Amino acid sequence: MVAGNWKMNLTLQEAIDLAEQIASRLKDSTEASTPIVLCPPAGYLQAVSSITKEIRGLYTGAQNCHQEVSGAYTGEISVAMIQSCGAEYVILGHSERRAYFHEDNILLSKKVKRALAQGLKVIFCCGETLPERESEKHFDLVKQQLQEGLFHLSEEEMSLITIAYEPVWAIGTGVTATKEQAQEMHAFIRSLLREIYANSVADNCSILYGGSCNPKNAKELFEQEDVDGGLIGGASLKAEDFLAIIHSL
């Protein structure tokens, strides 16, 4: 999978133009068998979904959802609202949600359960900060995030989860984990899945890399045995860059 997280960027018309450029290039292409997910701001979900639904293998995802079905939660978006706009995926646990909105693993576990219960597929993010890596706590930290956020799920539910490893120190900094660092963590994550679930679950779970992946480094990252694609930030805002990354998979 390659997923583009547009974050809080673009006007509505810019989002439509970007989605149309990507869709037109993917139409009838060899990438149709690889899931491509565009994750625009919530206000653009319906407009982008109307474009992606026309292309096989191209989907729309939300950047967040609330853990409750509905209610007095001003400014939030529910799973049903996301679905009514035509989206099929949701990103949960992104480092920016954890850092800026103080979302912890317990809250995220509730969001994951809500999303799955109502039919959305989840891209679940995990990853460490620079101090955590420098103090050699990165494996323990990622293990805790997955244990508390995901490992309460059944094997059937886990089949609807894509995991995205995002070294926080490499997001928006221009610094990228080396291919060896990426492979090491992705292999560790897959080993954790094998400890909890059947080998088939671990083998079939897509683990994406999400830390300043760009057209120049995508190929060497995606060539690693346990790197199954990317969760792309800044590079997903330019059609040519995003398409180049897709072609690298």
C-alpha atoms as a PDB file:
ATOM      1  CA  MET A   1       0.000   0.000   0.000  1.00  0.00           C
ATOM      2  CA  VAL A   2       0.942   3.613  -0.541  1.00  0.00           C
ATOM      3  CA  ALA A   3      -1.127   6.154   1.406  1.00  0.00           C
ATOM      4  CA  GLY A   4      -0.908   9.924   1.121  1.00  0.00           C
ATOM      5  CA  ASN A   5      -1.573  11.941   4.273  1.00  0.00           C
ATOM      6  CA  TRP A   6      -2.368  15.458   3.108  1.00  0.00           C
ATOM      7  CA  LYS A   7      -2.600  16.737   6.692  1.00  0.00           C
ATOM      8  CA  MET A   8      -3.934  20.333   7.032  1.00  0.00           C
ATOM      9  CA  ASN A   9      -3.025  21.431   3.522  1.00  0.00           C
ATOM     10  CA  LEU A  10      -4.680  22.491   0.255  1.00  0.00           C
ATOM     11  CA  THR A  11      -7.859  24.345  -0.585  1.00  0.00           C
ATOM     12  CA  LEU A  12     -10.853  22.376  -1.831  1.00  0.00           C
ATOM     13  CA  GLN A  13     -10.068  23.089  -5.477  1.00  0.00           C
ATOM     14  CA  GLU A  14      -6.404  22.193  -4.976  1.00  0.00           C
ATOM     15  CA  ALA A  15      -7.437  18.899  -3.375  1.00  0.00           C
ATOM     16  CA  ILE A  16      -9.772  18.098  -6.267  1.00  0.00           C
ATOM     17  CA  ASP A  17      -7.068  18.946  -8.808  1.00  0.00           C
ATOM     18  CA  LEU A  18      -4.510  16.751  -7.029  1.00  0.00           C
ATOM     19  CA  ALA A  19      -6.902  13.803  -6.740  1.00  0.00           C
ATOM     20  CA  GLU A  20      -7.839  14.110 -10.408  1.00  0.00           C
ATOM     21  CA  GLN A  21      -4.185  14.187 -11.496  1.00  0.00           C
ATOM     22  CA  ILE A  22      -3.414  11.049  -9.507  1.00  0.00           C
ATOM     23  CA  ALA A  23      -6.572   9.267 -10.640  1.00  0.00           C
ATOM     24  CA  SER A  24      -6.000  10.031 -14.304  1.00  0.00           C
ATOM     25  CA  ARG A  25      -2.475   8.613 -14.174  1.00  0.00           C
ATOM     26  CA  LEU A  26      -3.538   5.481 -12.310  1.00  0.00           C
ATOM     27  CA  LYS A  27      -6.476   4.678 -14.565  1.00  0.00           C
ATOM     28  CA  ASP A  28      -5.923   1.326 -16.271  1.00  0.00           C
ATOM     29  CA  SER A  29      -2.337   1.259 -14.970  1.00  0.00           C
ATOM     30  CA  THR A  30      -0.398  -1.619 -13.455  1.00  0.00           C
ATOM     31  CA  GLU A  31      -0.753  -0.010 -10.023  1.00  0.00           C
ATOM     32  CA  ALA A  32      -4.422  -1.009  -9.866  1.00  0.00           C
ATOM     33  CA  SER A  33      -3.560  -4.113  -7.841  1.00  0.00           C
ATOM     34  CA  THR A  34      -1.746  -2.048  -5.197  1.00  0.00           C
ATOM     35  CA  PRO A  35      -4.039  -0.189  -2.776  1.00  0.00           C
ATOM     36  CA  ILE A  36      -3.476   3.569  -3.024  1.00  0.00           C
ATOM     37  CA  VAL A  37      -5.182   5.678  -0.345  1.00  0.00           C
ATOM     38  CA  LEU A  38      -5.624   9.460  -0.433  1.00  0.00           C
ATOM     39  CA  CYS A  39      -6.249  11.010   2.988  1.00  0.00           C
ATOM     40  CA  PRO A  40      -7.418  14.619   2.569  1.00  0.00           C
ATOM     41  CA  PRO A  41      -8.713  16.959   5.272  1.00  0.00           C
ATOM     42  CA  ALA A  42     -12.155  15.932   6.533  1.00  0.00           C
ATOM     43  CA  GLY A  43     -13.961  18.699   4.672  1.00  0.00           C
ATOM     44  CA  TYR A  44     -12.770  17.312   1.347  1.00  0.00           C
ATOM     45  CA  LEU A  45     -13.584  13.636   1.876  1.00  0.00           C
ATOM     46  CA  GLN A  46     -16.720  13.571  -0.272  1.00  0.00           C
ATOM     47  CA  ALA A  47     -15.150  15.491  -3.150  1.00  0.00           C
ATOM     48  CA  VAL A  48     -12.056  13.278  -3.217  1.00  0.00           C
ATOM     49  CA  SER A  49     -14.085  10.090  -2.766  1.00  0.00           C
ATOM     50  CA  SER A  50     -16.175  10.949  -5.812  1.00  0.00           C
ATOM     51  CA  ILE A  51     -12.927  10.848  -7.803  1.00  0.00           C
ATOM     52  CA  THR A  52     -11.254   7.803  -6.246  1.00  0.00           C
ATOM     53  CA  LYS A  53     -14.327   5.574  -6.541  1.00  0.00           C
ATOM     54  CA  GLU A  54     -13.936   5.608 -10.310  1.00  0.00           C
ATOM     55  CA  ILE A  55     -10.482   3.991 -10.219  1.00  0.00           C
ATOM     56  CA  ARG A  56      -9.885   0.377  -9.192  1.00  0.00           C
ATOM     57  CA  GLY A  57      -7.397   0.201  -6.338  1.00  0.00           C
ATOM     58  CA  LEU A  58      -7.697   3.896  -5.438  1.00  0.00           C
ATOM     59  CA  TYR A  59      -9.373   4.737  -2.115  1.00  0.00           C
ATOM     60  CA  THR A  60     -10.051   7.632   0.235  1.00  0.00           C
ATOM     61  CA  GLY A  61      -9.225   7.728   3.935  1.00  0.00           C
ATOM     62  CA  ALA A  62      -9.810  10.105   6.825  1.00  0.00           C
ATOM     63  CA  GLN A  63      -7.020  11.420   9.026  1.00  0.00           C
ATOM     64  CA  ASN A  64      -8.827  10.765  12.306  1.00  0.00           C
ATOM     65  CA  CYS A  65     -12.152   9.714  13.808  1.00  0.00           C
ATOM     66  CA  HIS A  66     -13.908   9.935  17.155  1.00  0.00           C
ATOM     67  CA  GLN A  67     -14.311   6.945  19.429  1.00  0.00           C
ATOM     68  CA  GLU A  68     -18.049   7.490  20.015  1.00  0.00           C
ATOM     69  CA  VAL A  69     -20.869   6.835  17.578  1.00  0.00           C
ATOM     70  CA  SER A  70     -22.241  10.384  17.830  1.00  0.00           C
ATOM     71  CA  GLY A  71     -22.856  13.123  20.382  1.00  0.00           C
ATOM     72  CA  ALA A  72     -21.912  16.562  21.646  1.00  0.00           C
ATOM     73  CA  TYR A  73     -18.303  16.558  20.425  1.00  0.00           C
ATOM     74  CA  THR A  74     -17.920  19.874  18.631  1.00  0.00           C
ATOM     75  CA  GLY A  75     -15.430  19.792  15.793  1.00  0.00           C
ATOM     76  CA  GLU A  76     -15.066  16.013  15.725  1.00  0.00           C
ATOM     77  CA  ILE A  77     -15.941  13.518  12.979  1.00  0.00           C
ATOM     78  CA  SER A  78     -17.580  10.135  13.469  1.00  0.00           C
ATOM     79  CA  VAL A  79     -17.035   6.901  11.585  1.00  0.00           C
ATOM     80  CA  ALA A  80     -20.539   7.139  10.104  1.00  0.00           C
ATOM     81  CA  MET A  81     -19.794  10.644   8.827  1.00  0.00           C
ATOM     82  CA  ILE A  82     -16.577   9.412   7.200  1.00  0.00           C
ATOM     83  CA  GLN A  83     -18.380   6.515   5.553  1.00  0.00           C
ATOM     84  CA  SER A  84     -21.199   8.734   4.330  1.00  0.00           C
ATOM     85  CA  CYS A  85     -18.581  10.707   2.412  1.00  0.00           C
ATOM     86  CA  GLY A  86     -17.407   7.539   0.647  1.00  0.00           C
ATOM     87  CA  ALA A  87     -14.162   6.928   2.534  1.00  0.00           C
ATOM     88  CA  GLU A  88     -13.049   3.406   3.428  1.00  0.00           C
ATOM     89  CA  TYR A  89      -9.929   3.984   5.553  1.00  0.00           C
ATOM     90  CA  VAL A  90      -8.899   6.037   8.556  1.00  0.00           C
ATOM     91  CA  ILE A  91      -5.454   6.922   9.923  1.00  0.00           C
ATOM     92  CA  LEU A  92      -5.220   6.487  13.701  1.00  0.00           C
ATOM     93  CA  GLY A  93      -2.358   7.099  16.119  1.00  0.00           C
ATOM     94  CA  HIS A  94      -0.379   9.479  13.928  1.00  0.00           C
ATOM     95  CA  SER A  95       2.495  11.036  15.868  1.00  0.00           C
ATOM     96  CA  GLU A  96       0.994  14.507  15.425  1.00  0.00           C
ATOM     97  CA  ARG A  97      -2.273  13.362  17.013  1.00  0.00           C
ATOM     98  CA  ARG A  98      -0.318  11.788  19.846  1.00  0.00           C
ATOM     99  CA  ALA A  99       1.861  14.868  20.396  1.00  0.00           C
ATOM    100  CA  TYR A 100      -0.474  17.810  19.751  1.00  0.00           C
ATOM    101  CA  PHE A 101      -3.786  16.311  20.874  1.00  0.00           C
ATOM    102  CA  HIS A 102      -2.416  14.037  23.619  1.00  0.00           C
ATOM    103  CA  GLU A 103      -3.983  10.864  22.252  1.00  0.00           C
ATOM    104  CA  ASP A 104      -2.687   7.889  24.224  1.00  0.00           C
ATOM    105  CA  ASN A 105      -2.755   4.186  23.477  1.00  0.00           C
ATOM    106  CA  ILE A 106      -5.914   3.562  25.514  1.00  0.00           C
ATOM    107  CA  LEU A 107      -7.891   6.195  23.621  1.00  0.00           C
ATOM    108  CA  LEU A 108      -6.523   4.913  20.324  1.00  0.00           C
ATOM    109  CA  SER A 109      -7.573   1.365  21.146  1.00  0.00           C
ATOM    110  CA  LYS A 110     -11.150   2.652  21.506  1.00  0.00           C
ATOM    111  CA  LYS A 111     -10.932   4.500  18.204  1.00  0.00           C
ATOM    112  CA  VAL A 112      -9.628   1.393  16.482  1.00  0.00           C
ATOM    113  CA  LYS A 113     -12.482  -0.727  17.846  1.00  0.00           C
ATOM    114  CA  ARG A 114     -15.062   1.866  16.805  1.00  0.00           C
ATOM    115  CA  ALA A 115     -13.667   2.191  13.298  1.00  0.00           C
ATOM    116  CA  LEU A 116     -13.548  -1.570  12.732  1.00  0.00           C
ATOM    117  CA  ALA A 117     -16.957  -2.184  14.294  1.00  0.00           C
ATOM    118  CA  GLN A 118     -18.530   0.226  11.824  1.00  0.00           C
ATOM    119  CA  GLY A 119     -16.656  -1.002   8.772  1.00  0.00           C
ATOM    120  CA  LEU A 120     -13.624   1.241   8.254  1.00  0.00           C
ATOM    121  CA  LYS A 121     -10.157  -0.174   7.647  1.00  0.00           C
ATOM    122  CA  VAL A 122      -7.427   1.287   9.843  1.00  0.00           C
ATOM    123  CA  ILE A 123      -3.912   2.542   9.163  1.00  0.00           C
ATOM    124  CA  PHE A 124      -2.427   2.471  12.667  1.00  0.00           C
ATOM    125  CA  CYS A 125       0.712   4.514  13.304  1.00  0.00           C
ATOM    126  CA  CYS A 126       3.493   3.786  15.748  1.00  0.00           C
ATOM    127  CA  GLY A 127       6.992   5.146  16.228  1.00  0.00           C
ATOM    128  CA  GLU A 128       9.532   6.737  18.542  1.00  0.00           C
ATOM    129  CA  THR A 129      10.936  10.213  19.130  1.00  0.00           C
ATOM    130  CA  LEU A 130      14.636  11.017  18.787  1.00  0.00           C
ATOM    131  CA  PRO A 131      15.298  10.920  22.582  1.00  0.00           C
ATOM    132  CA  GLU A 132      13.582   7.524  22.773  1.00  0.00           C
ATOM    133  CA  ARG A 133      15.769   6.160  19.978  1.00  0.00           C
ATOM    134  CA  GLU A 134      18.954   7.674  21.393  1.00  0.00           C
ATOM    135  CA  SER A 135      18.211   6.102  24.778  1.00  0.00           C
ATOM    136  CA  GLU A 136      17.573   2.769  23.011  1.00  0.00           C
ATOM    137  CA  LYS A 137      13.955   2.634  24.151  1.00  0.00           C
ATOM    138  CA  HIS A 138      12.527   2.567  20.617  1.00  0.00           C
ATOM    139  CA  PHE A 139      11.720  -1.139  20.529  1.00  0.00           C
ATOM    140  CA  ASP A 140      10.014  -1.056  23.927  1.00  0.00           C
ATOM    141  CA  LEU A 141       8.064   2.054  22.991  1.00  0.00           C
ATOM    142  CA  VAL A 142       6.757   0.628  19.705  1.00  0.00           C
ATOM    143  CA  LYS A 143       5.922  -2.671  21.412  1.00  0.00           C
ATOM    144  CA  GLN A 144       3.866  -0.826  24.032  1.00  0.00           C
ATOM    145  CA  GLN A 145       2.042   1.213  21.395  1.00  0.00           C
ATOM    146  CA  LEU A 146       1.043  -1.937  19.523  1.00  0.00           C
ATOM    147  CA  GLN A 147       0.209  -3.991  22.598  1.00  0.00           C
ATOM    148  CA  GLU A 148      -2.072  -1.330  24.059  1.00  0.00           C
ATOM    149  CA  GLY A 149      -3.447   0.006  20.792  1.00  0.00           C
ATOM    150  CA  LEU A 150      -3.971  -3.125  18.669  1.00  0.00           C
ATOM    151  CA  PHE A 151      -3.285  -6.444  20.319  1.00  0.00           C
ATOM    152  CA  HIS A 152      -6.730  -6.645  21.910  1.00  0.00           C
ATOM    153  CA  LEU A 153      -8.092  -7.323  18.430  1.00  0.00           C
ATOM    154  CA  SER A 154      -9.125 -10.701  17.074  1.00  0.00           C
ATOM    155  CA  GLU A 155      -7.311 -12.242  14.110  1.00  0.00           C
ATOM    156  CA  GLU A 156     -10.226 -11.299  11.872  1.00  0.00           C
ATOM    157  CA  GLU A 157     -10.041  -7.686  13.039  1.00  0.00           C
ATOM    158  CA  MET A 158      -6.264  -7.586  12.614  1.00  0.00           C
ATOM    159  CA  SER A 159      -6.729  -8.515   8.962  1.00  0.00           C
ATOM    160  CA  LEU A 160      -8.266  -5.056   8.502  1.00  0.00           C
ATOM    161  CA  ILE A 161      -5.277  -3.252  10.026  1.00  0.00           C
ATOM    162  CA  THR A 162      -2.328  -1.738   8.206  1.00  0.00           C
ATOM    163  CA  ILE A 163       0.545  -0.691  10.477  1.00  0.00           C
ATOM    164  CA  ALA A 164       2.621   2.384   9.664  1.00  0.00           C
ATOM    165  CA  TYR A 165       5.985   2.782  11.367  1.00  0.00           C
ATOM    166  CA  GLU A 166       6.872   6.461  11.564  1.00  0.00           C
ATOM    167  CA  PRO A 167      10.112   7.410  13.288  1.00  0.00           C
ATOM    168  CA  VAL A 168       9.000  10.763  14.694  1.00  0.00           C
ATOM    169  CA  TRP A 169      12.494  12.177  14.309  1.00  0.00           C
ATOM    170  CA  ALA A 170      12.217  11.682  10.538  1.00  0.00           C
ATOM    171  CA  ILE A 171       8.829  13.333   9.934  1.00  0.00           C
ATOM    172  CA  GLY A 172       9.003  16.660   8.144  1.00  0.00           C
ATOM    173  CA  THR A 173      12.697  16.985   8.989  1.00  0.00           C
ATOM    174  CA  GLY A 174      14.133  15.759   5.722  1.00  0.00           C
ATOM    175  CA  VAL A 175      15.961  13.085   7.730  1.00  0.00           C
ATOM    176  CA  THR A 176      15.063   9.535   6.791  1.00  0.00           C
ATOM    177  CA  ALA A 177      15.766   6.332   8.638  1.00  0.00           C
ATOM    178  CA  THR A 178      18.325   4.258   6.779  1.00  0.00           C
ATOM    179  CA  LYS A 179      16.976   1.253   4.921  1.00  0.00           C
ATOM    180  CA  GLU A 180      18.621  -0.911   7.588  1.00  0.00           C
ATOM    181  CA  GLN A 181      16.909   0.985  10.423  1.00  0.00           C
ATOM    182  CA  ALA A 182      13.565   0.736   8.658  1.00  0.00           C
ATOM    183  CA  GLN A 183      13.931  -2.984   7.988  1.00  0.00           C
ATOM    184  CA  GLU A 184      15.052  -3.661  11.556  1.00  0.00           C
ATOM    185  CA  MET A 185      11.956  -2.034  13.050  1.00  0.00           C
ATOM    186  CA  HIS A 186       9.568  -3.499  10.486  1.00  0.00           C
ATOM    187  CA  ALA A 187      10.955  -6.986  11.133  1.00  0.00           C
ATOM    188  CA  PHE A 188      10.554  -6.387  14.878  1.00  0.00           C
ATOM    189  CA  ILE A 189       6.916  -5.367  14.388  1.00  0.00           C
ATOM    190  CA  ARG A 190       6.229  -8.477  12.315  1.00  0.00           C
ATOM    191  CA  SER A 191       7.853 -10.629  15.001  1.00  0.00           C
ATOM    192  CA  LEU A 192       5.469  -9.125  17.571  1.00  0.00           C
ATOM    193  CA  LEU A 193       2.538 -10.028  15.351  1.00  0.00           C
ATOM    194  CA  ARG A 194       3.817 -13.627  15.163  1.00  0.00           C
ATOM    195  CA  GLU A 195       3.906 -13.811  18.963  1.00  0.00           C
ATOM    196  CA  ILE A 196       0.230 -12.851  19.250  1.00  0.00           C
ATOM    197  CA  TYR A 197      -1.396 -14.083  16.065  1.00  0.00           C
ATOM    198  CA  ALA A 198      -1.077 -16.842  13.478  1.00  0.00           C
ATOM    199  CA  ASN A 199       1.805 -16.646  11.001  1.00  0.00           C
ATOM    200  CA  SER A 200      -0.706 -15.913   8.248  1.00  0.00           C
ATOM    201  CA  VAL A 201      -1.803 -12.737  10.053  1.00  0.00           C
ATOM    202  CA  ALA A 202       1.787 -11.575  10.475  1.00  0.00           C
ATOM    203  CA  ASP A 203       2.679 -12.419   6.883  1.00  0.00           C
ATOM    204  CA  ASN A 204      -0.342 -10.670   5.399  1.00  0.00           C
ATOM    205  CA  CYS A 205      -0.236  -7.518   7.539  1.00  0.00           C
ATOM    206  CA  SER A 206       1.127  -4.609   5.494  1.00  0.00           C
ATOM    207  CA  ILE A 207       3.704  -2.585   7.423  1.00  0.00           C
ATOM    208  CA  LEU A 208       4.338   0.822   5.875  1.00  0.00           C
ATOM    209  CA  TYR A 209       7.253   3.192   6.371  1.00  0.00           C
ATOM    210  CA  GLY A 210       6.283   6.767   7.200  1.00  0.00           C
ATOM    211  CA  GLY A 211       9.202   9.105   7.730  1.00  0.00           C
ATOM    212  CA  SER A 212      10.205  11.548   4.974  1.00  0.00           C
ATOM    213  CA  CYS A 213       9.805   8.963   2.239  1.00  0.00           C
ATOM    214  CA  ASN A 214      10.306  10.602  -1.144  1.00  0.00           C
ATOM    215  CA  PRO A 215      10.929   9.664  -4.804  1.00  0.00           C
ATOM    216  CA  LYS A 216      14.690   9.466  -4.208  1.00  0.00           C
ATOM    217  CA  ASN A 217      14.666   6.994  -1.329  1.00  0.00           C
ATOM    218  CA  ALA A 218      11.397   5.102  -1.843  1.00  0.00           C
ATOM    219  CA  LYS A 219      12.823   2.316  -3.982  1.00  0.00           C
ATOM    220  CA  GLU A 220      15.577   1.289  -1.570  1.00  0.00           C
ATOM    221  CA  LEU A 221      13.152   1.432   1.351  1.00  0.00           C
ATOM    222  CA  PHE A 222      10.475  -0.600  -0.432  1.00  0.00           C
ATOM    223  CA  GLU A 223      13.036  -3.222  -1.446  1.00  0.00           C
ATOM    224  CA  GLN A 224      13.466  -4.230   2.194  1.00  0.00           C
ATOM    225  CA  GLU A 225      11.832  -7.555   3.018  1.00  0.00           C
ATOM    226  CA  ASP A 226       9.425  -6.250   5.652  1.00  0.00           C
ATOM    227  CA  VAL A 227       8.689  -2.795   4.213  1.00  0.00           C
ATOM    228  CA  ASP A 228       5.386  -3.129   2.368  1.00  0.00           C
ATOM    229  CA  GLY A 229       4.885   0.453   1.211  1.00  0.00           C
ATOM    230  CA  GLY A 230       4.693   3.932   2.638  1.00  0.00           C
ATOM    231  CA  LEU A 231       2.572   6.456   4.502  1.00  0.00           C
ATOM    232  CA  ILE A 232       3.595   9.604   2.655  1.00  0.00           C
ATOM    233  CA  GLY A 233       3.327  13.143   4.005  1.00  0.00           C
ATOM    234  CA  GLY A 234       4.770  16.127   2.156  1.00  0.00           C
ATOM    235  CA  ALA A 235       5.611  14.184  -0.999  1.00  0.00           C
ATOM    236  CA  SER A 236       1.951  13.211  -1.404  1.00  0.00           C
ATOM    237  CA  LEU A 237       1.008  16.838  -2.065  1.00  0.00           C
ATOM    238  CA  LYS A 238       2.660  16.806  -5.485  1.00  0.00           C
ATOM    239  CA  ALA A 239       1.182  14.396  -7.996  1.00  0.00           C
ATOM    240  CA  GLU A 240       4.471  13.691  -9.766  1.00  0.00           C
ATOM    241  CA  ASP A 241       6.297  12.917  -6.509  1.00  0.00           C
ATOM    242  CA  PHE A 242       3.496  10.734  -5.173  1.00  0.00           C
ATOM    243  CA  LEU A 243       3.194   8.816  -8.430  1.00  0.00           C
ATOM    244  CA  ALA A 244       6.962   8.291  -8.525  1.00  0.00           C
ATOM    245  CA  ILE A 245       6.769   6.763  -5.045  1.00  0.00           C
ATOM    246  CA  ILE A 246       3.913   4.502  -6.145  1.00  0.00           C
ATOM    247  CA  HIS A 247       5.960   3.352  -9.129  1.00  0.00           C
ATOM    248  CA  SER A 248       8.780   2.451  -6.713  1.00  0.00           C
ATOM    249  CA  LEU A 249       6.673  -0.185  -4.956  1.00  0.00           C
END
